[in-house]
Amino acid sequence: MSLATFALDHASQIAATAGLVTFALAKNKLTPGGIVSAVGVAIIHMLDPWPVFFWLLVPFFLLGVLVTKIGHKAKAHLTQSSTGAAGGEGARNWVQVFANSGWACILIALHTYLVNSTPFHSVHLALTPGWYAPKLVGVLPVGIMAQYAAVAADTFGSELGILSKSTPFLITAPWKRVPKGTNGGVTIEGVGYGLLASTTITLISYASLELSTPTHNFSTPAATLVIVMGVFGSLLDSFLGATVQATVTDKSSGKVVEGPGGQKVLVTPGGSRVMIGRDLLSNSGVNFVMAAGSSIVAMMLAWVMNLGVETVATRGW
């Protein structure tokens, strides 16, 4: 396929990407490196013959922006930045973009290859002789949707849960109350927001699959699995935050100190900051492991339960 043909076939997706990039630049939502990474992610999503993955990426980004903006002034006073400024979310860099979408890109690349491959040779169809795995083709979309449901659930739970009136408790020790913003801290309200996000992403996926040509069968049990795995991912992120990610607090204010772009916060002996927990993964590292882990578990369950997404015209995978 020539570049001109690709651009013509994906005109609406290219226009949407350009619009999102312009918005991100105008609102300082992404760093220059984050912009380049986001465009690369968008292109990978465009390459798949199933447009659902790209059109899932767009609301995923916009919903993340929306919940980050809600209560921004209040959240800025609940934590503080390691640079000395108020807390809150800043522009996302390329590492954060990869942490939230990298695993999905890997699965989409594999899905694209499998959809375009066949065990037969043909001079009439645009197919490449190669590995033929129809059941895996149906299971991979479940993993892709579960990864985005999990990341969205974590984002909603973190950005909206921190605004709840209740004090967070540590997921590994529910009897222990912790400051807002603590890695591994959860609230019931945050879990509820995570369920809302996971359900929203699943419903968007369902609508996209139904409206695509040809249509795809996304069964109720498969959709339920994606919703459940989204909430599971949010809780997994909290568990990882409590066990392999350190939390740094300021001695004088007691507030959690956040590193810019999800980076680790430096702590010097005898300084004004205190580190609690194991410092094994950064925030981006936790996000990637959570996203990949939730997706893998979802695909394993889908495989065992014979759940997947199938093209209506070729049922029976």
C-alpha atoms as a PDB file:
ATOM      1  CA  MET A   1       0.000   0.000   0.000  1.00  0.00           C
ATOM      2  CA  SER A   2       1.389   3.385  -1.014  1.00  0.00           C
ATOM      3  CA  LEU A   3       1.576   6.298   1.386  1.00  0.00           C
ATOM      4  CA  ALA A   4      -1.041   8.184  -0.637  1.00  0.00           C
ATOM      5  CA  THR A   5      -3.443   5.250  -0.506  1.00  0.00           C
ATOM      6  CA  PHE A   6      -2.903   4.848   3.226  1.00  0.00           C
ATOM      7  CA  ALA A   7      -3.571   8.567   3.800  1.00  0.00           C
ATOM      8  CA  LEU A   8      -6.742   8.418   1.721  1.00  0.00           C
ATOM      9  CA  ASP A   9      -8.047   5.298   3.471  1.00  0.00           C
ATOM     10  CA  HIS A  10      -7.332   6.754   6.914  1.00  0.00           C
ATOM     11  CA  ALA A  11      -8.226  10.403   6.263  1.00  0.00           C
ATOM     12  CA  SER A  12     -10.627  10.655   9.210  1.00  0.00           C
ATOM     13  CA  GLN A  13      -8.150   9.030  11.591  1.00  0.00           C
ATOM     14  CA  ILE A  14      -5.310  11.288  10.443  1.00  0.00           C
ATOM     15  CA  ALA A  15      -7.568  14.328  10.901  1.00  0.00           C
ATOM     16  CA  ALA A  16      -8.501  13.162  14.407  1.00  0.00           C
ATOM     17  CA  THR A  17      -4.822  12.653  15.275  1.00  0.00           C
ATOM     18  CA  ALA A  18      -3.951  16.130  14.008  1.00  0.00           C
ATOM     19  CA  GLY A  19      -6.771  17.592  16.077  1.00  0.00           C
ATOM     20  CA  LEU A  20      -5.648  15.819  19.240  1.00  0.00           C
ATOM     21  CA  VAL A  21      -2.025  16.861  18.697  1.00  0.00           C
ATOM     22  CA  THR A  22      -3.076  20.483  18.234  1.00  0.00           C
ATOM     23  CA  PHE A  23      -5.181  20.288  21.390  1.00  0.00           C
ATOM     24  CA  ALA A  24      -2.342  18.680  23.377  1.00  0.00           C
ATOM     25  CA  LEU A  25       0.096  21.383  22.281  1.00  0.00           C
ATOM     26  CA  ALA A  26      -2.315  24.223  22.989  1.00  0.00           C
ATOM     27  CA  LYS A  27      -3.235  22.930  26.436  1.00  0.00           C
ATOM     28  CA  ASN A  28       0.274  21.659  27.330  1.00  0.00           C
ATOM     29  CA  LYS A  29      -0.991  18.116  27.849  1.00  0.00           C
ATOM     30  CA  LEU A  30       2.062  16.456  26.266  1.00  0.00           C
ATOM     31  CA  THR A  31       5.758  17.294  26.066  1.00  0.00           C
ATOM     32  CA  PRO A  32       7.384  17.381  22.590  1.00  0.00           C
ATOM     33  CA  GLY A  33       8.624  13.836  23.178  1.00  0.00           C
ATOM     34  CA  GLY A  34       5.147  12.873  24.300  1.00  0.00           C
ATOM     35  CA  ILE A  35       3.694  14.287  21.062  1.00  0.00           C
ATOM     36  CA  VAL A  36       6.077  12.224  18.915  1.00  0.00           C
ATOM     37  CA  SER A  37       5.314   9.111  20.931  1.00  0.00           C
ATOM     38  CA  ALA A  38       1.560   9.715  20.738  1.00  0.00           C
ATOM     39  CA  VAL A  39       1.684  10.108  16.952  1.00  0.00           C
ATOM     40  CA  GLY A  40       3.608   6.840  16.716  1.00  0.00           C
ATOM     41  CA  VAL A  41       0.982   5.116  18.885  1.00  0.00           C
ATOM     42  CA  ALA A  42      -1.793   6.522  16.692  1.00  0.00           C
ATOM     43  CA  ILE A  43      -0.122   5.253  13.503  1.00  0.00           C
ATOM     44  CA  ILE A  44       0.224   1.742  14.933  1.00  0.00           C
ATOM     45  CA  HIS A  45      -3.462   1.797  15.839  1.00  0.00           C
ATOM     46  CA  MET A  46      -4.319   2.934  12.284  1.00  0.00           C
ATOM     47  CA  LEU A  47      -2.419   0.049  10.697  1.00  0.00           C
ATOM     48  CA  ASP A  48      -4.794  -2.567  12.105  1.00  0.00           C
ATOM     49  CA  PRO A  49      -7.684  -3.444   9.734  1.00  0.00           C
ATOM     50  CA  TRP A  50     -10.069  -3.161  12.698  1.00  0.00           C
ATOM     51  CA  PRO A  51     -10.697   0.601  13.204  1.00  0.00           C
ATOM     52  CA  VAL A  52     -12.109  -0.007  16.697  1.00  0.00           C
ATOM     53  CA  PHE A  53      -8.653   0.222  18.278  1.00  0.00           C
ATOM     54  CA  PHE A  54      -7.943   3.694  16.928  1.00  0.00           C
ATOM     55  CA  TRP A  55     -11.393   5.011  17.798  1.00  0.00           C
ATOM     56  CA  LEU A  56     -10.964   3.597  21.286  1.00  0.00           C
ATOM     57  CA  LEU A  57      -7.697   5.514  21.648  1.00  0.00           C
ATOM     58  CA  VAL A  58      -9.367   8.896  21.019  1.00  0.00           C
ATOM     59  CA  PRO A  59     -11.966   8.815  23.851  1.00  0.00           C
ATOM     60  CA  PHE A  60      -9.379   7.165  26.095  1.00  0.00           C
ATOM     61  CA  PHE A  61      -7.179  10.261  25.746  1.00  0.00           C
ATOM     62  CA  LEU A  62     -10.045  12.748  26.047  1.00  0.00           C
ATOM     63  CA  LEU A  63     -11.522  11.061  29.116  1.00  0.00           C
ATOM     64  CA  GLY A  64      -8.094  11.119  30.757  1.00  0.00           C
ATOM     65  CA  VAL A  65      -7.805  14.841  30.074  1.00  0.00           C
ATOM     66  CA  LEU A  66     -11.308  15.434  31.450  1.00  0.00           C
ATOM     67  CA  VAL A  67     -10.840  13.687  34.794  1.00  0.00           C
ATOM     68  CA  THR A  68      -7.397  15.262  35.237  1.00  0.00           C
ATOM     69  CA  LYS A  69      -8.979  18.693  34.862  1.00  0.00           C
ATOM     70  CA  ILE A  70     -11.790  18.005  37.356  1.00  0.00           C
ATOM     71  CA  GLY A  71     -10.872  19.486  40.737  1.00  0.00           C
ATOM     72  CA  HIS A  72      -7.457  20.550  39.446  1.00  0.00           C
ATOM     73  CA  LYS A  73      -7.111  23.432  41.920  1.00  0.00           C
ATOM     74  CA  ALA A  74      -8.078  21.239  44.856  1.00  0.00           C
ATOM     75  CA  LYS A  75      -5.714  18.448  43.804  1.00  0.00           C
ATOM     76  CA  ALA A  76      -2.867  20.938  43.481  1.00  0.00           C
ATOM     77  CA  HIS A  77      -3.060  21.508  47.247  1.00  0.00           C
ATOM     78  CA  LEU A  78      -3.373  17.847  48.230  1.00  0.00           C
ATOM     79  CA  THR A  79       0.138  16.914  47.046  1.00  0.00           C
ATOM     80  CA  GLN A  80       3.271  18.825  46.125  1.00  0.00           C
ATOM     81  CA  SER A  81       5.812  18.563  43.342  1.00  0.00           C
ATOM     82  CA  SER A  82       9.441  17.640  43.924  1.00  0.00           C
ATOM     83  CA  THR A  83      10.338  20.877  42.108  1.00  0.00           C
ATOM     84  CA  GLY A  84       8.767  22.867  44.953  1.00  0.00           C
ATOM     85  CA  ALA A  85       5.601  23.809  43.074  1.00  0.00           C
ATOM     86  CA  ALA A  86       2.066  22.692  43.857  1.00  0.00           C
ATOM     87  CA  GLY A  87       1.104  19.110  43.057  1.00  0.00           C
ATOM     88  CA  GLY A  88      -1.162  17.885  40.270  1.00  0.00           C
ATOM     89  CA  GLU A  89      -0.682  16.425  36.804  1.00  0.00           C
ATOM     90  CA  GLY A  90       1.684  18.170  34.385  1.00  0.00           C
ATOM     91  CA  ALA A  91       2.419  17.548  30.711  1.00  0.00           C
ATOM     92  CA  ARG A  92       2.931  13.837  30.005  1.00  0.00           C
ATOM     93  CA  ASN A  93       6.207  12.711  28.447  1.00  0.00           C
ATOM     94  CA  TRP A  94       6.985   9.879  26.036  1.00  0.00           C
ATOM     95  CA  VAL A  95       7.617   7.399  28.855  1.00  0.00           C
ATOM     96  CA  GLN A  96       4.130   7.971  30.259  1.00  0.00           C
ATOM     97  CA  VAL A  97       2.574   7.639  26.797  1.00  0.00           C
ATOM     98  CA  PHE A  98       4.361   4.322  26.289  1.00  0.00           C
ATOM     99  CA  ALA A  99       3.429   3.117  29.778  1.00  0.00           C
ATOM    100  CA  ASN A 100      -0.265   3.703  29.042  1.00  0.00           C
ATOM    101  CA  SER A 101      -0.395   2.493  25.416  1.00  0.00           C
ATOM    102  CA  GLY A 102       2.788   0.525  24.737  1.00  0.00           C
ATOM    103  CA  TRP A 103       1.414  -2.915  25.569  1.00  0.00           C
ATOM    104  CA  ALA A 104      -1.677  -2.278  23.434  1.00  0.00           C
ATOM    105  CA  CYS A 105       0.613  -1.339  20.537  1.00  0.00           C
ATOM    106  CA  ILE A 106       2.439  -4.667  20.847  1.00  0.00           C
ATOM    107  CA  LEU A 107      -0.848  -6.590  20.782  1.00  0.00           C
ATOM    108  CA  ILE A 108      -2.188  -4.514  17.887  1.00  0.00           C
ATOM    109  CA  ALA A 109       0.967  -5.163  15.857  1.00  0.00           C
ATOM    110  CA  LEU A 110       0.516  -8.914  16.414  1.00  0.00           C
ATOM    111  CA  HIS A 111      -3.196  -8.690  15.619  1.00  0.00           C
ATOM    112  CA  THR A 112      -2.473  -6.779  12.406  1.00  0.00           C
ATOM    113  CA  TYR A 113      -0.035  -9.471  11.288  1.00  0.00           C
ATOM    114  CA  LEU A 114      -2.425 -12.314  12.072  1.00  0.00           C
ATOM    115  CA  VAL A 115      -5.433 -10.696  10.388  1.00  0.00           C
ATOM    116  CA  ASN A 116      -3.387 -10.151   7.234  1.00  0.00           C
ATOM    117  CA  SER A 117      -1.815 -13.628   7.165  1.00  0.00           C
ATOM    118  CA  THR A 118      -3.149 -16.913   5.824  1.00  0.00           C
ATOM    119  CA  PRO A 119      -1.928 -20.504   5.442  1.00  0.00           C
ATOM    120  CA  PHE A 120      -2.764 -20.254   1.735  1.00  0.00           C
ATOM    121  CA  HIS A 121      -1.199 -18.435  -1.186  1.00  0.00           C
ATOM    122  CA  SER A 122      -3.393 -16.037  -3.148  1.00  0.00           C
ATOM    123  CA  VAL A 123      -2.797 -13.665  -6.042  1.00  0.00           C
ATOM    124  CA  HIS A 124      -6.186 -12.016  -5.575  1.00  0.00           C
ATOM    125  CA  LEU A 125      -6.304 -11.192  -1.842  1.00  0.00           C
ATOM    126  CA  ALA A 126      -4.040  -8.799   0.093  1.00  0.00           C
ATOM    127  CA  LEU A 127      -2.902 -11.540   2.456  1.00  0.00           C
ATOM    128  CA  THR A 128       0.573 -12.733   3.379  1.00  0.00           C
ATOM    129  CA  PRO A 129       1.412 -16.435   3.836  1.00  0.00           C
ATOM    130  CA  GLY A 130       2.237 -16.900   7.484  1.00  0.00           C
ATOM    131  CA  TRP A 131       1.068 -17.937  10.928  1.00  0.00           C
ATOM    132  CA  TYR A 132      -2.673 -18.638  10.998  1.00  0.00           C
ATOM    133  CA  ALA A 133      -4.279 -18.479  14.458  1.00  0.00           C
ATOM    134  CA  PRO A 134      -7.985 -17.567  14.228  1.00  0.00           C
ATOM    135  CA  LYS A 135      -8.701 -18.118  17.931  1.00  0.00           C
ATOM    136  CA  LEU A 136      -5.843 -15.834  18.919  1.00  0.00           C
ATOM    137  CA  VAL A 137      -7.200 -13.211  16.501  1.00  0.00           C
ATOM    138  CA  GLY A 138     -10.407 -13.247  18.535  1.00  0.00           C
ATOM    139  CA  VAL A 139      -8.704 -13.194  21.930  1.00  0.00           C
ATOM    140  CA  LEU A 140      -6.214 -10.376  21.243  1.00  0.00           C
ATOM    141  CA  PRO A 141      -8.933  -7.678  21.008  1.00  0.00           C
ATOM    142  CA  VAL A 142     -10.094  -8.684  24.497  1.00  0.00           C
ATOM    143  CA  GLY A 143      -6.556  -8.059  25.760  1.00  0.00           C
ATOM    144  CA  ILE A 144      -6.340  -4.716  23.972  1.00  0.00           C
ATOM    145  CA  MET A 145      -9.665  -3.495  25.328  1.00  0.00           C
ATOM    146  CA  ALA A 146      -8.838  -4.812  28.811  1.00  0.00           C
ATOM    147  CA  GLN A 147      -5.548  -2.875  28.805  1.00  0.00           C
ATOM    148  CA  TYR A 148      -7.344   0.392  28.030  1.00  0.00           C
ATOM    149  CA  ALA A 149     -10.145  -0.384  30.497  1.00  0.00           C
ATOM    150  CA  ALA A 150      -7.544  -0.992  33.214  1.00  0.00           C
ATOM    151  CA  VAL A 151      -5.553   2.178  32.503  1.00  0.00           C
ATOM    152  CA  ALA A 152      -8.742   4.258  32.324  1.00  0.00           C
ATOM    153  CA  ALA A 153      -9.991   2.727  35.592  1.00  0.00           C
ATOM    154  CA  ASP A 154      -6.686   3.558  37.270  1.00  0.00           C
ATOM    155  CA  THR A 155      -6.794   7.130  35.931  1.00  0.00           C
ATOM    156  CA  PHE A 156     -10.375   7.699  37.083  1.00  0.00           C
ATOM    157  CA  GLY A 157      -9.695   6.094  40.446  1.00  0.00           C
ATOM    158  CA  SER A 158      -6.577   8.191  41.042  1.00  0.00           C
ATOM    159  CA  GLU A 159      -7.752  11.539  39.680  1.00  0.00           C
ATOM    160  CA  LEU A 160     -11.274  11.445  41.135  1.00  0.00           C
ATOM    161  CA  GLY A 161     -10.699   9.216  44.152  1.00  0.00           C
ATOM    162  CA  ILE A 162      -8.223  11.690  45.612  1.00  0.00           C
ATOM    163  CA  LEU A 163     -11.072  14.231  45.801  1.00  0.00           C
ATOM    164  CA  SER A 164     -13.240  11.957  47.953  1.00  0.00           C
ATOM    165  CA  LYS A 165     -13.997  13.046  51.499  1.00  0.00           C
ATOM    166  CA  SER A 166     -12.906   9.726  52.986  1.00  0.00           C
ATOM    167  CA  THR A 167      -9.283   9.076  53.970  1.00  0.00           C
ATOM    168  CA  PRO A 168      -7.509   6.471  51.798  1.00  0.00           C
ATOM    169  CA  PHE A 169      -6.454   3.142  53.293  1.00  0.00           C
ATOM    170  CA  LEU A 170      -3.485   1.015  52.225  1.00  0.00           C
ATOM    171  CA  ILE A 171      -4.613  -1.834  49.985  1.00  0.00           C
ATOM    172  CA  THR A 172      -2.180  -4.261  51.631  1.00  0.00           C
ATOM    173  CA  ALA A 173      -3.252  -3.159  55.134  1.00  0.00           C
ATOM    174  CA  PRO A 174      -6.881  -1.931  55.016  1.00  0.00           C
ATOM    175  CA  TRP A 175      -6.786  -0.918  58.681  1.00  0.00           C
ATOM    176  CA  LYS A 176      -4.003   1.614  57.991  1.00  0.00           C
ATOM    177  CA  ARG A 177      -4.974   5.125  56.877  1.00  0.00           C
ATOM    178  CA  VAL A 178      -2.548   6.970  54.602  1.00  0.00           C
ATOM    179  CA  PRO A 179      -2.220  10.517  53.175  1.00  0.00           C
ATOM    180  CA  LYS A 180      -3.971  11.266  49.898  1.00  0.00           C
ATOM    181  CA  GLY A 181      -1.719  10.534  46.916  1.00  0.00           C
ATOM    182  CA  THR A 182       0.059   7.654  48.683  1.00  0.00           C
ATOM    183  CA  ASN A 183       1.017   4.845  46.313  1.00  0.00           C
ATOM    184  CA  GLY A 184      -1.163   1.881  47.206  1.00  0.00           C
ATOM    185  CA  GLY A 185      -3.809   4.024  48.895  1.00  0.00           C
ATOM    186  CA  VAL A 186      -7.417   3.372  47.846  1.00  0.00           C
ATOM    187  CA  THR A 187     -10.909   4.612  48.655  1.00  0.00           C
ATOM    188  CA  ILE A 188     -14.269   2.979  47.990  1.00  0.00           C
ATOM    189  CA  GLU A 189     -15.187   6.003  45.892  1.00  0.00           C
ATOM    190  CA  GLY A 190     -12.032   5.535  43.817  1.00  0.00           C
ATOM    191  CA  VAL A 191     -12.914   1.912  43.090  1.00  0.00           C
ATOM    192  CA  GLY A 192     -16.388   3.055  42.037  1.00  0.00           C
ATOM    193  CA  TYR A 193     -14.902   5.608  39.652  1.00  0.00           C
ATOM    194  CA  GLY A 194     -12.693   2.859  38.267  1.00  0.00           C
ATOM    195  CA  LEU A 195     -15.758   0.725  37.569  1.00  0.00           C
ATOM    196  CA  LEU A 196     -17.352   3.683  35.789  1.00  0.00           C
ATOM    197  CA  ALA A 197     -14.279   4.141  33.580  1.00  0.00           C
ATOM    198  CA  SER A 198     -13.987   0.443  32.765  1.00  0.00           C
ATOM    199  CA  THR A 199     -17.664   0.248  31.837  1.00  0.00           C
ATOM    200  CA  THR A 200     -17.389   3.376  29.682  1.00  0.00           C
ATOM    201  CA  ILE A 201     -14.403   2.038  27.730  1.00  0.00           C
ATOM    202  CA  THR A 202     -16.184  -1.303  27.225  1.00  0.00           C
ATOM    203  CA  LEU A 203     -19.364   0.377  25.965  1.00  0.00           C
ATOM    204  CA  ILE A 204     -17.340   2.510  23.544  1.00  0.00           C
ATOM    205  CA  SER A 205     -15.619  -0.660  22.303  1.00  0.00           C
ATOM    206  CA  TYR A 206     -18.961  -2.405  21.867  1.00  0.00           C
ATOM    207  CA  ALA A 207     -20.430   0.504  19.886  1.00  0.00           C
ATOM    208  CA  SER A 208     -17.330   0.751  17.669  1.00  0.00           C
ATOM    209  CA  LEU A 209     -17.406  -2.973  16.898  1.00  0.00           C
ATOM    210  CA  GLU A 210     -21.118  -2.866  16.078  1.00  0.00           C
ATOM    211  CA  LEU A 211     -20.756   0.174  13.814  1.00  0.00           C
ATOM    212  CA  SER A 212     -17.648  -1.042  11.977  1.00  0.00           C
ATOM    213  CA  THR A 213     -17.757  -2.741   8.574  1.00  0.00           C
ATOM    214  CA  PRO A 214     -17.896  -5.686   8.712  1.00  0.00           C
ATOM    215  CA  THR A 215     -19.476  -5.826  12.146  1.00  0.00           C
ATOM    216  CA  HIS A 216     -17.946  -7.905  14.919  1.00  0.00           C
ATOM    217  CA  ASN A 217     -19.579  -9.998  17.606  1.00  0.00           C
ATOM    218  CA  PHE A 218     -18.593  -8.794  21.082  1.00  0.00           C
ATOM    219  CA  SER A 219     -20.623 -11.016  23.406  1.00  0.00           C
ATOM    220  CA  THR A 220     -21.987  -9.960  26.789  1.00  0.00           C
ATOM    221  CA  PRO A 221     -19.728 -12.426  28.679  1.00  0.00           C
ATOM    222  CA  ALA A 222     -16.663 -11.054  26.854  1.00  0.00           C
ATOM    223  CA  ALA A 223     -17.720  -7.464  27.598  1.00  0.00           C
ATOM    224  CA  THR A 224     -18.284  -8.351  31.255  1.00  0.00           C
ATOM    225  CA  LEU A 225     -14.811  -9.861  31.395  1.00  0.00           C
ATOM    226  CA  VAL A 226     -13.293  -6.610  30.059  1.00  0.00           C
ATOM    227  CA  ILE A 227     -15.180  -4.550  32.657  1.00  0.00           C
ATOM    228  CA  VAL A 228     -14.067  -6.816  35.507  1.00  0.00           C
ATOM    229  CA  MET A 229     -10.463  -6.817  34.299  1.00  0.00           C
ATOM    230  CA  GLY A 230     -10.517  -3.016  34.151  1.00  0.00           C
ATOM    231  CA  VAL A 231     -11.370  -2.830  37.855  1.00  0.00           C
ATOM    232  CA  PHE A 232      -8.865  -5.610  38.533  1.00  0.00           C
ATOM    233  CA  GLY A 233      -6.193  -3.503  36.820  1.00  0.00           C
ATOM    234  CA  SER A 234      -6.962  -0.510  39.015  1.00  0.00           C
ATOM    235  CA  LEU A 235      -6.602  -2.639  42.144  1.00  0.00           C
ATOM    236  CA  LEU A 236      -3.455  -4.277  40.753  1.00  0.00           C
ATOM    237  CA  ASP A 237      -1.938  -0.827  40.231  1.00  0.00           C
ATOM    238  CA  SER A 238      -2.633  -0.009  43.873  1.00  0.00           C
ATOM    239  CA  PHE A 239      -1.130  -3.312  45.002  1.00  0.00           C
ATOM    240  CA  LEU A 240       2.018  -2.695  42.950  1.00  0.00           C
ATOM    241  CA  GLY A 241       2.174   0.862  44.283  1.00  0.00           C
ATOM    242  CA  ALA A 242       2.115  -0.468  47.837  1.00  0.00           C
ATOM    243  CA  THR A 243       4.709  -3.199  47.282  1.00  0.00           C
ATOM    244  CA  VAL A 244       7.235  -2.117  44.628  1.00  0.00           C
ATOM    245  CA  GLN A 245       6.891   1.674  44.445  1.00  0.00           C
ATOM    246  CA  ALA A 246       8.114   4.080  47.100  1.00  0.00           C
ATOM    247  CA  THR A 247       6.092   6.993  48.432  1.00  0.00           C
ATOM    248  CA  VAL A 248       7.909  10.163  49.431  1.00  0.00           C
ATOM    249  CA  THR A 249       6.360  12.596  51.907  1.00  0.00           C
ATOM    250  CA  ASP A 250       7.393  16.049  53.078  1.00  0.00           C
ATOM    251  CA  LYS A 251       8.227  16.124  56.788  1.00  0.00           C
ATOM    252  CA  SER A 252       6.819  19.559  57.485  1.00  0.00           C
ATOM    253  CA  SER A 253       3.511  19.360  55.608  1.00  0.00           C
ATOM    254  CA  GLY A 254       2.944  15.599  55.584  1.00  0.00           C
ATOM    255  CA  LYS A 255       1.963  15.814  51.941  1.00  0.00           C
ATOM    256  CA  VAL A 256       3.000  13.266  49.313  1.00  0.00           C
ATOM    257  CA  VAL A 257       5.772  14.557  47.020  1.00  0.00           C
ATOM    258  CA  GLU A 258       5.380  13.730  43.300  1.00  0.00           C
ATOM    259  CA  GLY A 259       8.113  13.675  40.682  1.00  0.00           C
ATOM    260  CA  PRO A 260       7.541  15.492  37.362  1.00  0.00           C
ATOM    261  CA  GLY A 261       6.544  13.187  34.522  1.00  0.00           C
ATOM    262  CA  GLY A 262       6.131  10.249  36.888  1.00  0.00           C
ATOM    263  CA  GLN A 263       9.827  10.226  37.743  1.00  0.00           C
ATOM    264  CA  LYS A 264      11.197   8.983  41.044  1.00  0.00           C
ATOM    265  CA  VAL A 265      11.645  11.592  43.780  1.00  0.00           C
ATOM    266  CA  LEU A 266      15.153  12.004  45.168  1.00  0.00           C
ATOM    267  CA  VAL A 267      15.560  11.710  48.932  1.00  0.00           C
ATOM    268  CA  THR A 268      18.738  12.764  50.732  1.00  0.00           C
ATOM    269  CA  PRO A 269      19.659  11.459  54.228  1.00  0.00           C
ATOM    270  CA  GLY A 270      18.660  13.970  56.870  1.00  0.00           C
ATOM    271  CA  GLY A 271      16.697  16.028  54.347  1.00  0.00           C
ATOM    272  CA  SER A 272      13.120  17.295  54.432  1.00  0.00           C
ATOM    273  CA  ARG A 273      11.667  14.195  52.759  1.00  0.00           C
ATOM    274  CA  VAL A 274      10.892  10.697  53.985  1.00  0.00           C
ATOM    275  CA  MET A 275      10.692   7.635  51.738  1.00  0.00           C
ATOM    276  CA  ILE A 276       8.340   4.765  52.593  1.00  0.00           C
ATOM    277  CA  GLY A 277       8.215   1.425  50.767  1.00  0.00           C
ATOM    278  CA  ARG A 278      10.377  -0.396  48.233  1.00  0.00           C
ATOM    279  CA  ASP A 279      11.810   1.802  45.491  1.00  0.00           C
ATOM    280  CA  LEU A 280      11.783  -0.778  42.671  1.00  0.00           C
ATOM    281  CA  LEU A 281       9.549   0.790  40.008  1.00  0.00           C
ATOM    282  CA  SER A 282       8.670   4.327  38.992  1.00  0.00           C
ATOM    283  CA  ASN A 283       5.055   5.366  38.481  1.00  0.00           C
ATOM    284  CA  SER A 284       5.359   4.715  34.735  1.00  0.00           C
ATOM    285  CA  GLY A 285       6.886   1.306  35.409  1.00  0.00           C
ATOM    286  CA  VAL A 286       3.971   0.381  37.656  1.00  0.00           C
ATOM    287  CA  ASN A 287       1.496   1.579  35.019  1.00  0.00           C
ATOM    288  CA  PHE A 288       3.072  -0.534  32.286  1.00  0.00           C
ATOM    289  CA  VAL A 289       3.263  -3.677  34.426  1.00  0.00           C
ATOM    290  CA  MET A 290      -0.342  -3.164  35.514  1.00  0.00           C
ATOM    291  CA  ALA A 291      -1.583  -2.628  31.958  1.00  0.00           C
ATOM    292  CA  ALA A 292       0.281  -5.636  30.579  1.00  0.00           C
ATOM    293  CA  GLY A 293      -0.628  -7.850  33.531  1.00  0.00           C
ATOM    294  CA  SER A 294      -4.341  -7.042  33.356  1.00  0.00           C
ATOM    295  CA  SER A 295      -4.344  -7.618  29.606  1.00  0.00           C
ATOM    296  CA  ILE A 296      -2.545 -10.964  29.856  1.00  0.00           C
ATOM    297  CA  VAL A 297      -4.896 -12.242  32.564  1.00  0.00           C
ATOM    298  CA  ALA A 298      -7.894 -11.124  30.490  1.00  0.00           C
ATOM    299  CA  MET A 299      -6.602 -12.990  27.423  1.00  0.00           C
ATOM    300  CA  MET A 300      -5.858 -16.123  29.431  1.00  0.00           C
ATOM    301  CA  LEU A 301      -9.384 -16.144  30.838  1.00  0.00           C
ATOM    302  CA  ALA A 302     -10.883 -15.402  27.418  1.00  0.00           C
ATOM    303  CA  TRP A 303      -8.934 -18.297  25.914  1.00  0.00           C
ATOM    304  CA  VAL A 304     -10.027 -20.765  28.598  1.00  0.00           C
ATOM    305  CA  MET A 305     -13.646 -19.560  28.527  1.00  0.00           C
ATOM    306  CA  ASN A 306     -13.762 -19.480  24.703  1.00  0.00           C
ATOM    307  CA  LEU A 307     -14.569 -15.775  24.685  1.00  0.00           C
ATOM    308  CA  GLY A 308     -13.382 -13.504  21.936  1.00  0.00           C
ATOM    309  CA  VAL A 309     -14.348 -10.988  19.286  1.00  0.00           C
ATOM    310  CA  GLU A 310     -15.229 -12.472  15.927  1.00  0.00           C
ATOM    311  CA  THR A 311     -16.082 -10.998  12.558  1.00  0.00           C
ATOM    312  CA  VAL A 312     -19.737 -11.728  11.861  1.00  0.00           C
ATOM    313  CA  ALA A 313     -19.000 -12.869   8.321  1.00  0.00           C
ATOM    314  CA  THR A 314     -16.543 -15.507   9.509  1.00  0.00           C
ATOM    315  CA  ARG A 315     -17.955 -16.900  12.730  1.00  0.00           C
ATOM    316  CA  GLY A 316     -16.748 -20.159  14.160  1.00  0.00           C
ATOM    317  CA  TRP A 317     -13.152 -19.407  15.175  1.00  0.00           C
END
